[in-house]
Amino acid sequence: MTDAHDTAADTSLRTTGGAPPDEDGSSATEAPIPLLEPRDGIPPVIADEASLAEVIAAFASGTGPVAVDAERASGYRYGQRAYLVQLRREGAGTALIDPIACPDLSGLGEALSGTEWVLHAATQDLPCLREIGMVPTRLFDTELAGRLAGFPRVGLGAMVENVLGYVLEKGHSAVDWSTRPLPEPWLRYAALDVELLVDLRDALEKELDRQGKLQWARQEFDAIASAPPPEPRKEPWRRTSGMHKVRRRRQMAVVRELWLTRDRIAQRRDVSPGKVLSDAAIVEAALAMPADTRALAALNGFGQRVSRRQLEQWQAAVDRARALSESRLPQPGQPVTGPPPPRAWADKDPAAAARLTAAKAGVTKLAEQLNMPQENLITPDTVRRVCWEPPAVVTADSVAAALTSHGARPWQVELVTPVLLEALAKSA
């Protein structure tokens, strides 16, 4: 058993949503303290090249890890670009940078090269940071660290409260960060988001080390930092909410045409696609297949506030789908590159279904012993792929090689190989 197995098996040491247990197994129970102001006050927003150069110099000469966060305008603007970047580092203080006024932050990224970046839910912020030239070479993800350590609530507010004993303001997470000038309460909220991030990192590092999971976490962080940008989704229109109601191929073509038309308009106007036309309206139009603008106007989402010109553009999209030849209609379902849905396994391959059942039970048991979510121990997709197409000769080495080929990290391979080996052997 690893140290992590031993720690997780000792219920007196398990994290329960409070602060990490002390060495004697007890947890702090003091009332959390509201964190109302940044310790250095609210810094001015950096919005010109001269001020940015001063920030770059300050952060380059700072010490220790750098806390990094970004605010987007999801639900308000098109895409996921950053509208505010927050940083804090020992010796440099806190900086709030306007990436619209200063769109190229590659100089700052270079100044911080080799420095460990501390982010919360890093995969959410890395794409928008990459767009403005900020790419970490090393990172520490406090949300992922919380998952691995067994915390049941891993949002930033919950982690800061449970681990450090402070309460962060929660009121401005979903505001329109493209607003200019940004109101002072929003800037205070943004500065506080990085105020304690390094402190949280340090506490979680100690807890992971105590549980014997620190090396596992480091492998996960390295995997995030070295991962290439994700490939653009193929046929993203298929993810329209309510798409499961659309069964006929020509109706699917209507969804596609309306989705693509909406996307072009949203991109041109720089607004969230949902503000142009809702998913529900797209699906309703696809199901109704309106013959003209009068029939379209009678549908939910195309009513009084939609102008004649807008109705005509939406109807033109429906008409384009109507005019398509059968050969150009979309095929039902998305192209499947991996195993079929597990619900179909019993009919397609009963032996594979038995392997998957045994593997899932084993992974669940191990995850409970380690006090971490199953999906962080090993992704469900990896388990499915190995169970659907197991190695020709099932050995510890061949199962480990299969896990590695599907992207499992060394710590995952070490822990999960015995579980899958047993599951594959039982159903052989």
Protein backbone atom coordinates (compact mmCIF):
# COMPACT_ATOMS: atom_id res chain seq x y z
CA MET A 1 0.00 0.00 0.00
CA THR A 2 1.18 3.53 -0.75
CA ASP A 3 1.20 6.25 1.89
CA ALA A 4 -1.88 7.67 0.18
CA HIS A 5 -3.71 4.36 0.69
CA ASP A 6 -2.79 4.45 4.36
CA THR A 7 -3.92 8.05 4.77
CA ALA A 8 -7.18 7.57 2.92
CA ALA A 9 -7.95 4.44 4.92
CA ASP A 10 -7.65 6.42 8.16
CA THR A 11 -11.03 8.16 8.41
CA SER A 12 -9.75 10.51 11.12
CA LEU A 13 -7.41 12.05 8.54
CA ARG A 14 -9.84 12.39 5.65
CA THR A 15 -10.69 15.86 4.46
CA THR A 16 -14.35 16.61 4.97
CA GLY A 17 -14.67 20.07 3.56
CA GLY A 18 -12.86 21.74 6.48
CA ALA A 19 -9.23 22.73 6.63
CA PRO A 20 -6.64 19.97 6.08
CA PRO A 21 -6.27 18.02 9.33
CA ASP A 22 -3.49 18.97 11.70
CA GLU A 23 -0.75 16.49 12.48
CA ASP A 24 -2.80 15.09 15.36
CA GLY A 25 -5.72 14.44 12.99
CA SER A 26 -7.88 17.33 14.16
CA SER A 27 -9.22 20.08 11.91
CA ALA A 28 -9.60 23.79 12.53
CA THR A 29 -13.14 24.81 13.44
CA GLU A 30 -12.78 28.57 13.87
CA ALA A 31 -15.35 30.73 12.09
CA PRO A 32 -14.06 31.89 8.68
CA ILE A 33 -12.93 35.51 8.34
CA PRO A 34 -14.44 37.68 5.58
CA LEU A 35 -11.72 38.94 3.22
CA LEU A 36 -12.98 42.39 2.23
CA GLU A 37 -9.96 44.26 0.86
CA PRO A 38 -6.67 43.31 -0.83
CA ARG A 39 -3.80 43.79 1.61
CA ASP A 40 -2.18 46.40 -0.67
CA GLY A 41 -5.44 48.00 -1.81
CA ILE A 42 -6.94 47.81 -5.28
CA PRO A 43 -4.18 48.38 -7.86
CA PRO A 44 -4.81 50.56 -10.93
CA VAL A 45 -5.75 48.75 -14.11
CA ILE A 46 -2.78 48.51 -16.49
CA ALA A 47 -3.95 49.84 -19.85
CA ASP A 48 -0.87 51.25 -21.62
CA GLU A 49 2.49 49.94 -22.76
CA ALA A 50 4.57 52.06 -20.35
CA SER A 51 2.68 50.79 -17.30
CA LEU A 52 2.83 47.25 -18.67
CA ALA A 53 6.62 47.49 -18.97
CA GLU A 54 6.82 48.46 -15.30
CA VAL A 55 4.67 45.47 -14.33
CA ILE A 56 6.82 43.11 -16.40
CA ALA A 57 9.96 44.37 -14.68
CA ALA A 58 8.38 44.08 -11.24
CA PHE A 59 7.15 40.55 -11.76
CA ALA A 60 10.41 39.43 -13.36
CA SER A 61 12.24 40.51 -10.21
CA GLY A 62 9.67 38.99 -7.85
CA THR A 63 10.23 35.73 -6.01
CA GLY A 64 8.38 32.45 -5.72
CA PRO A 65 5.30 31.26 -7.61
CA VAL A 66 3.00 33.71 -9.39
CA ALA A 67 -0.77 33.59 -8.92
CA VAL A 68 -2.61 34.02 -12.23
CA ASP A 69 -6.30 34.42 -13.04
CA ALA A 70 -8.34 35.70 -15.98
CA GLU A 71 -11.87 37.01 -16.33
CA ARG A 72 -13.93 36.34 -19.45
CA ALA A 73 -17.32 37.62 -20.59
CA SER A 74 -19.03 34.29 -21.18
CA GLY A 75 -22.70 34.78 -21.99
CA TYR A 76 -22.08 38.36 -23.13
CA ARG A 77 -19.39 38.31 -25.83
CA TYR A 78 -18.43 35.99 -28.67
CA GLY A 79 -15.67 33.53 -27.85
CA GLN A 80 -13.70 33.10 -24.64
CA ARG A 81 -11.18 35.92 -24.78
CA ALA A 82 -9.78 37.41 -21.59
CA TYR A 83 -11.04 40.83 -20.52
CA LEU A 84 -8.96 41.12 -17.36
CA VAL A 85 -5.79 39.35 -16.20
CA GLN A 86 -4.84 39.29 -12.53
CA LEU A 87 -1.42 38.37 -11.13
CA ARG A 88 0.21 38.40 -7.74
CA ARG A 89 3.79 37.55 -6.77
CA GLU A 90 5.94 38.07 -3.72
CA GLY A 91 7.96 41.24 -4.18
CA ALA A 92 5.75 42.50 -7.00
CA GLY A 93 2.32 42.76 -5.38
CA THR A 94 -0.89 42.47 -7.39
CA ALA A 95 -1.41 43.62 -10.98
CA LEU A 96 -4.67 43.99 -12.90
CA ILE A 97 -4.08 44.13 -16.67
CA ASP A 98 -6.55 45.09 -19.39
CA PRO A 99 -5.78 42.70 -22.28
CA ILE A 100 -7.99 44.70 -24.63
CA ALA A 101 -5.83 47.80 -24.22
CA CYS A 102 -2.67 45.62 -23.99
CA PRO A 103 -3.45 42.65 -26.27
CA ASP A 104 0.11 41.29 -26.44
CA LEU A 105 1.30 40.00 -23.07
CA SER A 106 3.99 37.74 -24.52
CA GLY A 107 6.65 39.91 -22.87
CA LEU A 108 5.08 39.21 -19.49
CA GLY A 109 4.82 35.53 -20.35
CA GLU A 110 8.51 35.44 -21.24
CA ALA A 111 9.46 37.25 -18.04
CA LEU A 112 7.66 34.56 -16.06
CA SER A 113 9.11 31.65 -18.06
CA GLY A 114 10.35 28.96 -15.71
CA THR A 115 8.31 30.38 -12.83
CA GLU A 116 5.58 28.19 -11.40
CA TRP A 117 2.13 29.63 -12.19
CA VAL A 118 -0.64 29.01 -9.68
CA LEU A 119 -4.10 28.83 -11.23
CA HIS A 120 -7.47 27.55 -10.08
CA ALA A 121 -9.06 25.25 -12.69
CA ALA A 122 -6.17 25.91 -15.07
CA THR A 123 -7.72 24.35 -18.16
CA GLN A 124 -10.46 27.01 -18.11
CA ASP A 125 -8.05 29.96 -18.22
CA LEU A 126 -5.13 28.61 -20.26
CA PRO A 127 -6.83 28.95 -23.70
CA CYS A 128 -7.60 32.67 -23.25
CA LEU A 129 -4.17 33.29 -21.72
CA ARG A 130 -2.51 31.53 -24.65
CA GLU A 131 -4.32 33.89 -27.05
CA ILE A 132 -2.54 36.89 -25.49
CA GLY A 133 0.89 35.26 -25.33
CA MET A 134 0.93 33.86 -21.81
CA VAL A 135 1.87 30.18 -21.67
CA PRO A 136 3.25 28.60 -18.48
CA THR A 137 6.08 26.07 -18.48
CA ARG A 138 5.24 24.97 -14.90
CA LEU A 139 1.98 25.23 -13.01
CA PHE A 140 0.11 24.28 -9.86
CA ASP A 141 -3.66 23.86 -10.19
CA THR A 142 -5.34 24.42 -6.83
CA GLU A 143 -8.68 23.01 -7.99
CA LEU A 144 -7.11 19.78 -9.23
CA ALA A 145 -4.98 19.61 -6.09
CA GLY A 146 -8.16 19.81 -4.03
CA ARG A 147 -9.70 16.94 -5.99
CA LEU A 148 -6.66 14.74 -5.53
CA ALA A 149 -6.55 15.57 -1.81
CA GLY A 150 -10.17 14.51 -1.40
CA PHE A 151 -11.92 17.81 -0.77
CA PRO A 152 -15.63 17.47 -1.63
CA ARG A 153 -15.98 21.14 -2.64
CA VAL A 154 -13.22 22.50 -4.87
CA GLY A 155 -14.46 25.89 -6.04
CA LEU A 156 -12.02 28.68 -5.23
CA GLY A 157 -14.27 30.22 -2.58
CA ALA A 158 -14.87 26.89 -0.87
CA MET A 159 -11.18 25.97 -0.95
CA VAL A 160 -10.01 29.31 0.47
CA GLU A 161 -12.62 29.07 3.22
CA ASN A 162 -12.03 25.42 4.08
CA VAL A 163 -8.24 25.44 3.84
CA LEU A 164 -7.26 28.97 4.86
CA GLY A 165 -10.27 30.10 6.87
CA TYR A 166 -11.18 33.18 4.80
CA VAL A 167 -14.40 34.00 2.96
CA LEU A 168 -14.06 35.49 -0.53
CA GLU A 169 -16.70 37.71 -2.08
CA LYS A 170 -18.77 35.72 -4.60
CA GLY A 171 -20.95 38.34 -6.23
CA HIS A 172 -19.19 39.23 -9.50
CA SER A 173 -18.11 35.94 -11.10
CA ALA A 174 -20.74 36.08 -13.88
CA VAL A 175 -20.73 39.80 -14.71
CA ASP A 176 -19.89 41.28 -18.12
CA TRP A 177 -16.13 41.74 -17.80
CA SER A 178 -16.01 43.49 -21.19
CA THR A 179 -17.57 46.53 -19.45
CA ARG A 180 -15.35 49.61 -19.53
CA PRO A 181 -14.47 51.17 -17.20
CA LEU A 182 -14.68 48.25 -14.79
CA PRO A 183 -16.49 49.19 -11.58
CA GLU A 184 -14.40 49.34 -8.41
CA PRO A 185 -16.29 46.48 -6.65
CA TRP A 186 -15.48 44.21 -9.61
CA LEU A 187 -11.80 45.16 -9.46
CA ARG A 188 -11.76 44.44 -5.72
CA TYR A 189 -13.27 41.01 -6.40
CA ALA A 190 -10.70 40.37 -9.15
CA ALA A 191 -7.76 41.35 -6.95
CA LEU A 192 -9.00 39.17 -4.09
CA ASP A 193 -9.15 36.17 -6.44
CA VAL A 194 -5.32 36.08 -6.53
CA GLU A 195 -4.75 37.46 -3.02
CA LEU A 196 -4.47 34.06 -1.32
CA LEU A 197 -3.86 31.76 -4.28
CA VAL A 198 -0.19 31.13 -3.45
CA ASP A 199 -1.08 30.60 0.23
CA LEU A 200 -3.67 28.05 -0.88
CA ARG A 201 -1.08 26.39 -3.11
CA ASP A 202 1.37 26.07 -0.21
CA ALA A 203 -1.25 24.55 2.11
CA LEU A 204 -2.42 22.07 -0.53
CA GLU A 205 1.14 21.06 -1.34
CA LYS A 206 1.66 20.17 2.32
CA GLU A 207 -1.60 18.22 2.41
CA LEU A 208 -0.80 16.31 -0.78
CA ASP A 209 2.64 15.50 0.58
CA ARG A 210 1.11 14.29 3.84
CA GLN A 211 -1.22 12.00 1.90
CA GLY A 212 1.56 10.67 -0.34
CA LYS A 213 -0.03 12.23 -3.44
CA LEU A 214 2.30 15.12 -4.21
CA GLN A 215 4.19 13.34 -6.99
CA TRP A 216 0.87 12.30 -8.53
CA ALA A 217 -0.27 15.92 -8.54
CA ARG A 218 2.98 17.09 -10.10
CA GLN A 219 2.55 14.60 -12.94
CA GLU A 220 -0.96 15.94 -13.51
CA PHE A 221 0.24 19.55 -13.50
CA ASP A 222 3.04 18.73 -15.95
CA ALA A 223 0.51 17.05 -18.26
CA ILE A 224 -1.66 20.18 -18.28
CA ALA A 225 1.28 22.51 -18.90
CA SER A 226 2.63 20.42 -21.78
CA ALA A 227 -0.71 19.65 -23.45
CA PRO A 228 -1.13 21.13 -26.95
CA PRO A 229 -4.09 23.43 -27.65
CA PRO A 230 -7.28 21.40 -28.12
CA GLU A 231 -8.40 20.68 -31.66
CA PRO A 232 -11.45 22.68 -32.82
CA ARG A 233 -14.65 20.69 -32.44
CA LYS A 234 -15.91 19.05 -35.60
CA GLU A 235 -19.53 19.90 -36.35
CA PRO A 236 -20.06 21.96 -33.18
CA TRP A 237 -23.69 22.56 -34.20
CA ARG A 238 -24.44 19.01 -33.04
CA ARG A 239 -24.00 20.23 -29.45
CA THR A 240 -27.08 22.46 -29.72
CA SER A 241 -29.10 22.04 -26.53
CA GLY A 242 -32.20 19.91 -27.22
CA MET A 243 -30.58 18.25 -30.24
CA HIS A 244 -31.81 14.86 -29.02
CA LYS A 245 -35.32 15.83 -30.15
CA VAL A 246 -34.19 16.21 -33.76
CA ARG A 247 -34.33 12.83 -35.50
CA ARG A 248 -34.75 13.45 -39.22
CA ARG A 249 -31.77 14.32 -41.40
CA ARG A 250 -33.44 17.34 -43.04
CA GLN A 251 -34.39 18.69 -39.64
CA MET A 252 -30.76 18.25 -38.63
CA ALA A 253 -29.82 20.29 -41.72
CA VAL A 254 -32.07 23.10 -40.46
CA VAL A 255 -30.27 23.06 -37.11
CA ARG A 256 -26.93 23.23 -38.92
CA GLU A 257 -27.94 26.15 -41.16
CA LEU A 258 -29.50 28.15 -38.34
CA TRP A 259 -26.51 27.45 -36.06
CA LEU A 260 -23.96 28.54 -38.68
CA THR A 261 -25.98 31.67 -39.53
CA ARG A 262 -26.24 32.56 -35.84
CA ASP A 263 -22.52 31.99 -35.34
CA ARG A 264 -21.58 34.33 -38.21
CA ILE A 265 -23.86 37.06 -36.85
CA ALA A 266 -22.61 36.61 -33.27
CA GLN A 267 -18.98 36.78 -34.38
CA ARG A 268 -19.59 39.90 -36.47
CA ARG A 269 -21.44 41.64 -33.62
CA ASP A 270 -19.12 40.24 -30.89
CA VAL A 271 -21.98 38.99 -28.75
CA SER A 272 -22.78 35.62 -27.25
CA PRO A 273 -24.58 33.40 -29.81
CA GLY A 274 -27.37 32.82 -27.29
CA LYS A 275 -28.16 36.54 -27.39
CA VAL A 276 -28.68 36.32 -31.16
CA LEU A 277 -30.94 33.25 -31.16
CA SER A 278 -31.54 30.65 -28.48
CA ASP A 279 -30.84 26.96 -28.90
CA ALA A 280 -34.48 26.28 -28.04
CA ALA A 281 -35.61 28.46 -30.96
CA ILE A 282 -33.26 26.66 -33.36
CA VAL A 283 -34.60 23.27 -32.35
CA GLU A 284 -38.22 24.44 -32.54
CA ALA A 285 -37.70 25.74 -36.07
CA ALA A 286 -36.05 22.48 -37.08
CA LEU A 287 -38.96 20.43 -35.78
CA ALA A 288 -41.61 22.71 -37.34
CA MET A 289 -39.87 23.26 -40.71
CA PRO A 290 -41.78 26.55 -41.33
CA ALA A 291 -42.64 27.25 -44.95
CA ASP A 292 -42.50 31.05 -44.71
CA THR A 293 -41.72 33.93 -42.34
CA ARG A 294 -45.32 34.06 -41.10
CA ALA A 295 -45.11 30.43 -39.91
CA LEU A 296 -41.65 31.10 -38.47
CA ALA A 297 -42.87 34.16 -36.54
CA ALA A 298 -45.48 31.99 -34.81
CA LEU A 299 -42.79 29.86 -33.19
CA ASN A 300 -41.30 30.48 -29.74
CA GLY A 301 -38.15 32.58 -30.01
CA PHE A 302 -39.18 34.27 -33.27
CA GLY A 303 -41.93 36.49 -31.91
CA GLN A 304 -42.58 40.21 -31.51
CA ARG A 305 -39.05 41.43 -30.86
CA VAL A 306 -37.67 39.84 -34.06
CA SER A 307 -37.66 42.28 -36.98
CA ARG A 308 -38.87 41.44 -40.47
CA ARG A 309 -35.29 41.49 -41.74
CA GLN A 310 -34.17 39.06 -39.03
CA LEU A 311 -37.09 36.74 -39.77
CA GLU A 312 -36.09 36.71 -43.41
CA GLN A 313 -32.49 35.74 -42.64
CA TRP A 314 -33.62 32.88 -40.38
CA GLN A 315 -36.18 31.72 -42.94
CA ALA A 316 -33.49 31.81 -45.62
CA ALA A 317 -31.44 29.40 -43.49
CA VAL A 318 -34.44 27.05 -43.20
CA ASP A 319 -35.00 27.29 -46.95
CA ARG A 320 -31.36 26.41 -47.67
CA ALA A 321 -31.77 23.24 -45.63
CA ARG A 322 -35.01 22.43 -47.45
CA ALA A 323 -33.25 22.74 -50.81
CA LEU A 324 -30.34 20.42 -50.03
CA SER A 325 -30.07 17.16 -51.94
CA GLU A 326 -30.26 13.94 -49.92
CA SER A 327 -26.54 13.35 -50.36
CA ARG A 328 -25.70 16.66 -48.65
CA LEU A 329 -27.87 16.12 -45.59
CA PRO A 330 -26.00 15.44 -42.33
CA GLN A 331 -25.81 11.87 -41.12
CA PRO A 332 -27.55 11.00 -37.86
CA GLY A 333 -25.24 10.83 -34.87
CA GLN A 334 -21.66 11.97 -34.57
CA PRO A 335 -18.78 9.98 -36.07
CA VAL A 336 -17.64 7.46 -33.47
CA THR A 337 -13.89 7.12 -33.13
CA GLY A 338 -13.85 5.01 -29.98
CA PRO A 339 -15.97 2.29 -28.40
CA PRO A 340 -19.77 2.38 -28.80
CA PRO A 341 -21.92 3.70 -25.94
CA PRO A 342 -21.69 1.30 -22.95
CA ARG A 343 -25.45 0.67 -23.06
CA ALA A 344 -24.93 -1.13 -26.38
CA TRP A 345 -22.12 -3.38 -25.17
CA ALA A 346 -24.29 -6.17 -23.81
CA ASP A 347 -25.74 -6.78 -27.30
CA LYS A 348 -22.61 -6.09 -29.35
CA ASP A 349 -20.02 -7.83 -27.16
CA PRO A 350 -21.21 -9.43 -23.88
CA ALA A 351 -17.63 -10.30 -22.88
CA ALA A 352 -16.59 -6.66 -23.20
CA ALA A 353 -19.63 -5.63 -21.15
CA ALA A 354 -18.55 -8.03 -18.40
CA ARG A 355 -15.01 -6.65 -18.49
CA LEU A 356 -16.31 -3.09 -18.18
CA THR A 357 -18.60 -3.94 -15.26
CA ALA A 358 -15.73 -5.55 -13.36
CA ALA A 359 -13.31 -2.73 -14.20
CA LYS A 360 -15.73 0.01 -13.12
CA ALA A 361 -16.34 -1.75 -9.82
CA GLY A 362 -12.60 -2.07 -9.20
CA VAL A 363 -11.88 1.56 -10.11
CA THR A 364 -14.73 2.75 -7.88
CA LYS A 365 -13.39 0.78 -4.93
CA LEU A 366 -9.84 2.05 -5.44
CA ALA A 367 -10.97 5.67 -5.80
CA GLU A 368 -12.88 5.40 -2.53
CA GLN A 369 -9.80 3.98 -0.81
CA LEU A 370 -7.72 6.88 -2.13
CA ASN A 371 -10.42 9.45 -1.29
CA MET A 372 -10.51 11.05 -4.74
CA PRO A 373 -12.99 11.25 -7.64
CA GLN A 374 -12.92 8.27 -9.99
CA GLU A 375 -12.36 10.49 -13.03
CA ASN A 376 -9.16 11.86 -11.48
CA LEU A 377 -7.88 8.38 -10.73
CA ILE A 378 -8.42 7.38 -14.37
CA THR A 379 -10.72 8.78 -17.05
CA PRO A 380 -13.84 6.69 -17.80
CA ASP A 381 -12.99 6.87 -21.52
CA THR A 382 -9.61 5.22 -20.90
CA VAL A 383 -11.26 2.38 -18.96
CA ARG A 384 -13.82 1.88 -21.74
CA ARG A 385 -11.18 1.78 -24.47
CA VAL A 386 -9.03 -0.80 -22.68
CA CYS A 387 -12.06 -2.98 -21.90
CA TRP A 388 -13.44 -2.78 -25.44
CA GLU A 389 -10.10 -3.64 -27.07
CA PRO A 390 -7.91 -5.32 -24.45
CA PRO A 391 -4.36 -6.41 -25.27
CA ALA A 392 -4.11 -9.65 -27.25
CA VAL A 393 -2.15 -11.16 -24.39
CA VAL A 394 -3.25 -9.76 -21.03
CA THR A 395 -0.28 -9.18 -18.75
CA ALA A 396 0.67 -6.42 -16.34
CA ASP A 397 3.06 -4.99 -18.94
CA SER A 398 0.52 -5.08 -21.78
CA VAL A 399 -2.22 -3.47 -19.68
CA ALA A 400 0.22 -0.79 -18.51
CA ALA A 401 1.21 -0.14 -22.12
CA ALA A 402 -2.44 0.15 -23.14
CA LEU A 403 -3.13 2.67 -20.38
CA THR A 404 -0.07 4.69 -21.34
CA SER A 405 -1.11 4.73 -25.01
CA HIS A 406 -4.42 6.32 -23.98
CA GLY A 407 -2.68 9.11 -22.07
CA ALA A 408 -2.63 7.80 -18.50
CA ARG A 409 0.15 9.24 -16.37
CA PRO A 410 2.73 6.95 -14.69
CA TRP A 411 1.06 7.20 -11.26
CA GLN A 412 -2.29 6.23 -12.78
CA VAL A 413 -0.72 3.33 -14.66
CA GLU A 414 0.89 2.04 -11.47
CA LEU A 415 -2.34 2.15 -9.46
CA VAL A 416 -4.90 1.12 -12.08
CA THR A 417 -3.01 -1.66 -13.88
CA PRO A 418 -3.67 -4.27 -11.13
CA VAL A 419 -7.38 -3.34 -11.10
CA LEU A 420 -7.79 -3.71 -14.85
CA LEU A 421 -5.60 -6.80 -14.95
CA GLU A 422 -7.96 -8.50 -12.48
CA ALA A 423 -11.07 -7.33 -14.38
CA LEU A 424 -9.75 -8.54 -17.73
CA ALA A 425 -8.67 -11.86 -16.25
CA LYS A 426 -12.09 -12.49 -14.65
CA SER A 427 -13.93 -12.06 -17.94
CA ALA A 428 -11.42 -13.90 -20.11
